[in-house]
């Protein structure tokens, strides 16, 4: 039951749901997520840590960048089930649609100038 509660709590925050929906579209770094959600970097990092600990996201380093992507869900049947359903859920939500529409214009190269 502990794992189930951890998974459900991870998605109890609207910003974490938005992060998952964005990561369905592409791998992103913290600065890109920060720009999309208009949140402070420590806040985004905290959300990503919670999602990673619950098994929703994984990270990998690419030079100076730490990239975040959706996990494959193999570590938790709860995560796998929710990720499968979230692919279809909220697609028509105006806030999610607007956020997803902005993603192509949000690029780390433009944000961080590195």
N, C-alpha and C. Protein backbone atom coordinates (compact mmCIF):
# COMPACT_ATOMS: atom_id res chain seq x y z
N UNK A 1 0.82 -1.20 0.00
CA UNK A 1 0.00 0.00 0.00
C UNK A 1 0.87 1.26 0.00
N UNK A 2 2.06 1.23 0.63
CA UNK A 2 2.92 2.41 0.69
C UNK A 2 3.29 2.90 -0.71
N UNK A 3 3.63 1.96 -1.59
CA UNK A 3 4.02 2.35 -2.95
C UNK A 3 2.85 3.00 -3.68
N UNK A 4 1.67 2.45 -3.52
CA UNK A 4 0.47 3.01 -4.16
C UNK A 4 0.23 4.44 -3.69
N UNK A 5 0.32 4.67 -2.39
CA UNK A 5 0.10 6.02 -1.83
C UNK A 5 1.16 6.99 -2.36
N UNK A 6 2.41 6.55 -2.44
CA UNK A 6 3.49 7.40 -2.94
C UNK A 6 3.22 7.81 -4.39
N UNK A 7 2.77 6.86 -5.19
CA UNK A 7 2.46 7.13 -6.59
C UNK A 7 1.30 8.12 -6.71
N UNK A 8 0.26 7.90 -5.93
CA UNK A 8 -0.90 8.80 -5.99
C UNK A 8 -0.56 10.20 -5.49
N UNK A 9 0.23 10.29 -4.43
CA UNK A 9 0.63 11.60 -3.91
C UNK A 9 1.48 12.37 -4.92
N UNK A 10 2.28 11.64 -5.68
CA UNK A 10 3.14 12.30 -6.67
C UNK A 10 2.32 13.07 -7.70
N UNK A 11 1.12 12.59 -7.99
CA UNK A 11 0.27 13.28 -8.96
C UNK A 11 -0.80 14.14 -8.32
N UNK A 12 -0.65 14.41 -7.03
CA UNK A 12 -1.66 15.21 -6.33
C UNK A 12 -1.46 16.71 -6.55
N UNK A 13 -0.38 17.09 -7.19
CA UNK A 13 -0.11 18.50 -7.45
C UNK A 13 -0.32 18.79 -8.94
N UNK A 14 -1.08 19.82 -9.28
CA UNK A 14 -1.34 20.12 -10.70
C UNK A 14 -0.07 20.34 -11.52
N UNK A 15 0.95 20.95 -10.94
CA UNK A 15 2.18 21.19 -11.69
C UNK A 15 2.90 19.89 -12.02
N UNK A 16 2.81 18.90 -11.14
CA UNK A 16 3.44 17.61 -11.44
C UNK A 16 2.68 16.89 -12.56
N UNK A 17 1.37 17.02 -12.58
CA UNK A 17 0.60 16.45 -13.69
C UNK A 17 1.01 17.13 -14.99
N UNK A 18 1.16 18.45 -14.96
CA UNK A 18 1.57 19.18 -16.16
C UNK A 18 2.95 18.72 -16.63
N UNK A 19 3.86 18.49 -15.69
CA UNK A 19 5.20 18.02 -16.05
C UNK A 19 5.11 16.67 -16.76
N UNK A 20 4.31 15.77 -16.23
CA UNK A 20 4.13 14.46 -16.87
C UNK A 20 3.55 14.63 -18.27
N UNK A 21 2.56 15.49 -18.42
CA UNK A 21 1.95 15.70 -19.74
C UNK A 21 2.98 16.29 -20.72
N UNK A 22 3.85 17.17 -20.26
CA UNK A 22 4.87 17.73 -21.15
C UNK A 22 5.90 16.66 -21.53
N UNK A 23 6.29 15.85 -20.56
CA UNK A 23 7.28 14.82 -20.83
C UNK A 23 6.72 13.71 -21.71
N UNK A 24 5.41 13.64 -21.85
CA UNK A 24 4.83 12.71 -22.83
C UNK A 24 5.22 13.14 -24.24
N UNK A 25 5.44 14.44 -24.42
CA UNK A 25 5.74 14.98 -25.75
C UNK A 25 7.22 14.89 -26.09
N UNK A 26 8.08 15.16 -25.07
CA UNK A 26 9.52 15.12 -25.33
C UNK A 26 10.31 15.18 -24.04
N UNK A 27 11.57 14.81 -24.14
CA UNK A 27 12.51 14.93 -23.03
C UNK A 27 12.79 16.41 -22.83
N UNK A 28 12.91 16.81 -21.56
CA UNK A 28 13.13 18.23 -21.25
C UNK A 28 14.12 18.38 -20.10
N UNK A 29 14.78 19.54 -20.06
CA UNK A 29 15.65 19.86 -18.93
C UNK A 29 14.86 20.76 -17.96
N UNK A 30 15.44 21.00 -16.80
CA UNK A 30 14.77 21.81 -15.78
C UNK A 30 14.45 23.20 -16.30
N UNK A 31 15.38 23.82 -17.01
CA UNK A 31 15.14 25.20 -17.46
C UNK A 31 13.98 25.28 -18.45
N UNK A 32 13.80 24.24 -19.27
CA UNK A 32 12.67 24.23 -20.21
C UNK A 32 11.35 24.06 -19.46
N UNK A 33 11.33 23.17 -18.47
CA UNK A 33 10.13 22.98 -17.67
C UNK A 33 9.81 24.25 -16.89
N UNK A 34 10.85 24.86 -16.35
CA UNK A 34 10.70 26.11 -15.61
C UNK A 34 10.09 27.19 -16.50
N UNK A 35 10.56 27.31 -17.72
CA UNK A 35 10.04 28.33 -18.64
C UNK A 35 8.59 28.04 -19.01
N UNK A 36 8.27 26.78 -19.22
CA UNK A 36 6.90 26.41 -19.62
C UNK A 36 5.91 26.68 -18.50
N UNK A 37 6.29 26.36 -17.27
CA UNK A 37 5.36 26.49 -16.15
C UNK A 37 5.47 27.82 -15.42
N UNK A 38 6.51 28.59 -15.75
CA UNK A 38 6.76 29.88 -15.07
C UNK A 38 6.89 29.68 -13.56
N UNK A 39 7.73 28.71 -13.19
CA UNK A 39 8.01 28.41 -11.79
C UNK A 39 9.49 28.62 -11.53
N UNK A 40 9.84 28.79 -10.27
CA UNK A 40 11.24 28.92 -9.88
C UNK A 40 11.96 27.58 -10.06
N UNK A 41 13.25 27.65 -10.34
CA UNK A 41 14.04 26.44 -10.57
C UNK A 41 13.99 25.48 -9.38
N UNK A 42 14.14 25.96 -8.13
CA UNK A 42 14.05 25.01 -7.01
C UNK A 42 12.70 24.31 -6.91
N UNK A 43 11.64 25.00 -7.27
CA UNK A 43 10.30 24.41 -7.25
C UNK A 43 10.19 23.30 -8.29
N UNK A 44 10.68 23.56 -9.49
CA UNK A 44 10.65 22.55 -10.55
C UNK A 44 11.49 21.35 -10.14
N UNK A 45 12.66 21.59 -9.59
CA UNK A 45 13.53 20.50 -9.16
C UNK A 45 12.88 19.65 -8.08
N UNK A 46 12.17 20.29 -7.17
CA UNK A 46 11.47 19.55 -6.11
C UNK A 46 10.37 18.67 -6.72
N UNK A 47 9.61 19.22 -7.65
CA UNK A 47 8.56 18.44 -8.31
C UNK A 47 9.16 17.24 -9.05
N UNK A 48 10.28 17.48 -9.75
CA UNK A 48 10.92 16.39 -10.49
C UNK A 48 11.44 15.31 -9.56
N UNK A 49 11.96 15.71 -8.42
CA UNK A 49 12.46 14.74 -7.44
C UNK A 49 11.31 13.84 -6.95
N UNK A 50 10.18 14.44 -6.66
CA UNK A 50 9.01 13.67 -6.19
C UNK A 50 8.55 12.71 -7.28
N UNK A 51 8.49 13.19 -8.52
CA UNK A 51 8.08 12.33 -9.63
C UNK A 51 9.08 11.21 -9.88
N UNK A 52 10.36 11.52 -9.72
CA UNK A 52 11.39 10.51 -9.92
C UNK A 52 11.34 9.44 -8.82
N UNK A 53 11.18 9.87 -7.58
CA UNK A 53 11.10 8.93 -6.46
C UNK A 53 9.87 8.02 -6.58
N UNK A 54 8.80 8.52 -7.15
CA UNK A 54 7.59 7.72 -7.32
C UNK A 54 7.70 6.79 -8.53
N UNK A 55 8.65 7.06 -9.42
CA UNK A 55 8.85 6.21 -10.58
C UNK A 55 8.27 6.73 -11.88
N UNK A 56 7.80 7.96 -11.89
CA UNK A 56 7.21 8.52 -13.10
C UNK A 56 8.24 9.03 -14.10
N UNK A 57 9.32 9.57 -13.61
CA UNK A 57 10.34 10.12 -14.51
C UNK A 57 11.71 9.55 -14.17
N UNK A 58 12.58 9.63 -15.16
CA UNK A 58 13.97 9.27 -14.96
C UNK A 58 14.81 10.39 -15.56
N UNK A 59 16.05 10.44 -15.15
CA UNK A 59 16.93 11.50 -15.65
C UNK A 59 18.21 10.89 -16.19
N UNK A 60 18.84 11.63 -17.09
CA UNK A 60 20.14 11.23 -17.60
C UNK A 60 20.92 12.49 -17.95
N UNK A 61 22.21 12.39 -17.82
CA UNK A 61 23.08 13.53 -18.07
C UNK A 61 23.56 13.50 -19.52
N UNK A 62 23.58 14.69 -20.12
CA UNK A 62 24.07 14.86 -21.48
C UNK A 62 24.95 16.10 -21.48
N UNK A 63 26.23 15.91 -21.26
CA UNK A 63 27.14 17.05 -21.12
C UNK A 63 26.78 17.84 -19.87
N UNK A 64 26.48 19.10 -20.04
CA UNK A 64 26.10 19.95 -18.91
C UNK A 64 24.63 19.81 -18.52
N UNK A 65 23.86 19.18 -19.37
CA UNK A 65 22.43 19.11 -19.19
C UNK A 65 22.01 17.86 -18.44
N UNK A 66 21.02 18.00 -17.57
CA UNK A 66 20.34 16.85 -16.99
C UNK A 66 18.96 16.83 -17.64
N UNK A 67 18.69 15.77 -18.35
CA UNK A 67 17.43 15.64 -19.08
C UNK A 67 16.47 14.73 -18.31
N UNK A 68 15.20 15.07 -18.40
CA UNK A 68 14.16 14.28 -17.75
C UNK A 68 13.24 13.72 -18.81
N UNK A 69 12.85 12.46 -18.59
CA UNK A 69 11.93 11.79 -19.50
C UNK A 69 11.00 10.91 -18.68
N UNK A 70 9.89 10.53 -19.30
CA UNK A 70 8.98 9.62 -18.61
C UNK A 70 9.67 8.28 -18.46
N UNK A 71 9.43 7.63 -17.34
CA UNK A 71 9.97 6.29 -17.15
C UNK A 71 9.14 5.30 -17.96
N UNK A 72 9.63 4.10 -18.06
CA UNK A 72 8.88 3.08 -18.78
C UNK A 72 7.86 2.38 -17.89
N UNK A 73 7.89 2.67 -16.59
CA UNK A 73 6.90 2.13 -15.68
C UNK A 73 7.14 0.69 -15.26
N UNK A 74 8.29 0.12 -15.61
CA UNK A 74 8.52 -1.29 -15.28
C UNK A 74 8.75 -1.53 -13.79
N UNK A 75 9.13 -0.51 -13.05
CA UNK A 75 9.38 -0.69 -11.62
C UNK A 75 8.12 -0.72 -10.78
N UNK A 76 7.03 -0.22 -11.33
CA UNK A 76 5.79 -0.14 -10.56
C UNK A 76 4.58 -0.36 -11.46
N UNK A 77 3.75 -1.34 -11.13
CA UNK A 77 2.54 -1.53 -11.93
C UNK A 77 1.58 -0.35 -11.82
N UNK A 78 1.63 0.36 -10.70
CA UNK A 78 0.77 1.54 -10.52
C UNK A 78 1.19 2.65 -11.47
N UNK A 79 2.50 2.90 -11.54
CA UNK A 79 3.02 3.93 -12.44
C UNK A 79 2.71 3.55 -13.89
N UNK A 80 2.95 2.31 -14.25
CA UNK A 80 2.70 1.86 -15.62
C UNK A 80 1.24 2.07 -16.00
N UNK A 81 0.34 1.72 -15.11
CA UNK A 81 -1.09 1.86 -15.39
C UNK A 81 -1.49 3.33 -15.53
N UNK A 82 -1.01 4.15 -14.61
CA UNK A 82 -1.37 5.57 -14.65
C UNK A 82 -0.77 6.25 -15.88
N UNK A 83 0.49 5.94 -16.20
CA UNK A 83 1.10 6.54 -17.39
C UNK A 83 0.35 6.14 -18.65
N UNK A 84 -0.10 4.89 -18.71
CA UNK A 84 -0.87 4.44 -19.86
C UNK A 84 -2.17 5.23 -20.01
N UNK A 85 -2.84 5.46 -18.90
CA UNK A 85 -4.10 6.21 -18.94
C UNK A 85 -3.88 7.70 -19.16
N UNK A 86 -2.82 8.25 -18.57
CA UNK A 86 -2.56 9.69 -18.73
C UNK A 86 -2.26 10.07 -20.17
N UNK A 87 -1.89 9.12 -21.00
CA UNK A 87 -1.67 9.41 -22.42
C UNK A 87 -2.94 9.97 -23.05
N UNK A 88 -4.08 9.56 -22.53
CA UNK A 88 -5.37 9.97 -23.10
C UNK A 88 -6.10 10.98 -22.22
N UNK A 89 -5.87 10.91 -20.93
CA UNK A 89 -6.55 11.82 -20.01
C UNK A 89 -6.04 13.24 -20.19
N UNK A 90 -6.92 14.19 -20.01
CA UNK A 90 -6.63 15.63 -19.99
C UNK A 90 -6.18 16.21 -21.33
N UNK A 91 -6.23 15.44 -22.39
CA UNK A 91 -5.79 15.95 -23.70
C UNK A 91 -6.65 17.11 -24.17
N UNK A 92 -7.89 17.14 -23.77
CA UNK A 92 -8.80 18.21 -24.19
C UNK A 92 -8.87 19.36 -23.18
N UNK A 93 -8.16 19.22 -22.07
CA UNK A 93 -8.16 20.27 -21.05
C UNK A 93 -7.50 21.53 -21.63
N UNK A 94 -8.17 22.68 -21.53
CA UNK A 94 -7.62 23.91 -22.13
C UNK A 94 -6.24 24.29 -21.59
N UNK A 95 -6.02 24.10 -20.31
CA UNK A 95 -4.72 24.46 -19.73
C UNK A 95 -3.61 23.56 -20.26
N UNK A 96 -3.89 22.27 -20.36
CA UNK A 96 -2.90 21.32 -20.89
C UNK A 96 -2.68 21.59 -22.38
N UNK A 97 -3.73 21.82 -23.12
CA UNK A 97 -3.61 22.10 -24.56
C UNK A 97 -2.75 23.33 -24.81
N UNK A 98 -2.97 24.37 -24.03
CA UNK A 98 -2.19 25.60 -24.17
C UNK A 98 -0.72 25.36 -23.84
N UNK A 99 -0.48 24.62 -22.80
CA UNK A 99 0.89 24.31 -22.37
C UNK A 99 1.62 23.50 -23.45
N UNK A 100 0.97 22.50 -23.96
CA UNK A 100 1.56 21.64 -24.99
C UNK A 100 1.82 22.43 -26.27
N UNK A 101 0.95 23.35 -26.60
CA UNK A 101 1.13 24.17 -27.81
C UNK A 101 2.37 25.05 -27.72
N UNK A 102 2.77 25.43 -26.50
CA UNK A 102 3.95 26.28 -26.32
C UNK A 102 5.26 25.51 -26.41
N UNK A 103 5.21 24.20 -26.24
CA UNK A 103 6.44 23.41 -26.13
C UNK A 103 7.41 23.56 -27.31
N UNK A 104 6.94 23.58 -28.55
CA UNK A 104 7.91 23.69 -29.65
C UNK A 104 8.77 24.96 -29.59
N UNK A 105 8.27 26.00 -28.99
CA UNK A 105 9.03 27.26 -28.92
C UNK A 105 9.92 27.34 -27.69
N UNK A 106 9.83 26.36 -26.81
CA UNK A 106 10.64 26.38 -25.58
C UNK A 106 11.83 25.46 -25.79
N UNK A 107 12.99 26.07 -25.95
CA UNK A 107 14.25 25.34 -26.20
C UNK A 107 15.33 25.85 -25.27
N UNK A 108 16.07 24.92 -24.70
CA UNK A 108 17.13 25.28 -23.75
C UNK A 108 18.16 26.23 -24.36
N UNK A 109 18.42 26.07 -25.64
CA UNK A 109 19.42 26.93 -26.31
C UNK A 109 19.00 28.40 -26.27
N UNK A 110 17.70 28.66 -26.34
CA UNK A 110 17.18 30.02 -26.28
C UNK A 110 17.06 30.53 -24.85
N UNK A 111 16.85 29.63 -23.92
CA UNK A 111 16.64 30.03 -22.53
C UNK A 111 17.97 30.31 -21.83
N UNK A 112 18.90 29.40 -21.98
CA UNK A 112 20.16 29.49 -21.23
C UNK A 112 21.31 30.06 -22.04
N UNK A 113 21.13 30.19 -23.33
CA UNK A 113 22.15 30.75 -24.21
C UNK A 113 23.50 30.03 -24.06
N UNK A 114 23.43 28.70 -23.97
CA UNK A 114 24.68 27.92 -23.86
C UNK A 114 24.83 26.98 -25.02
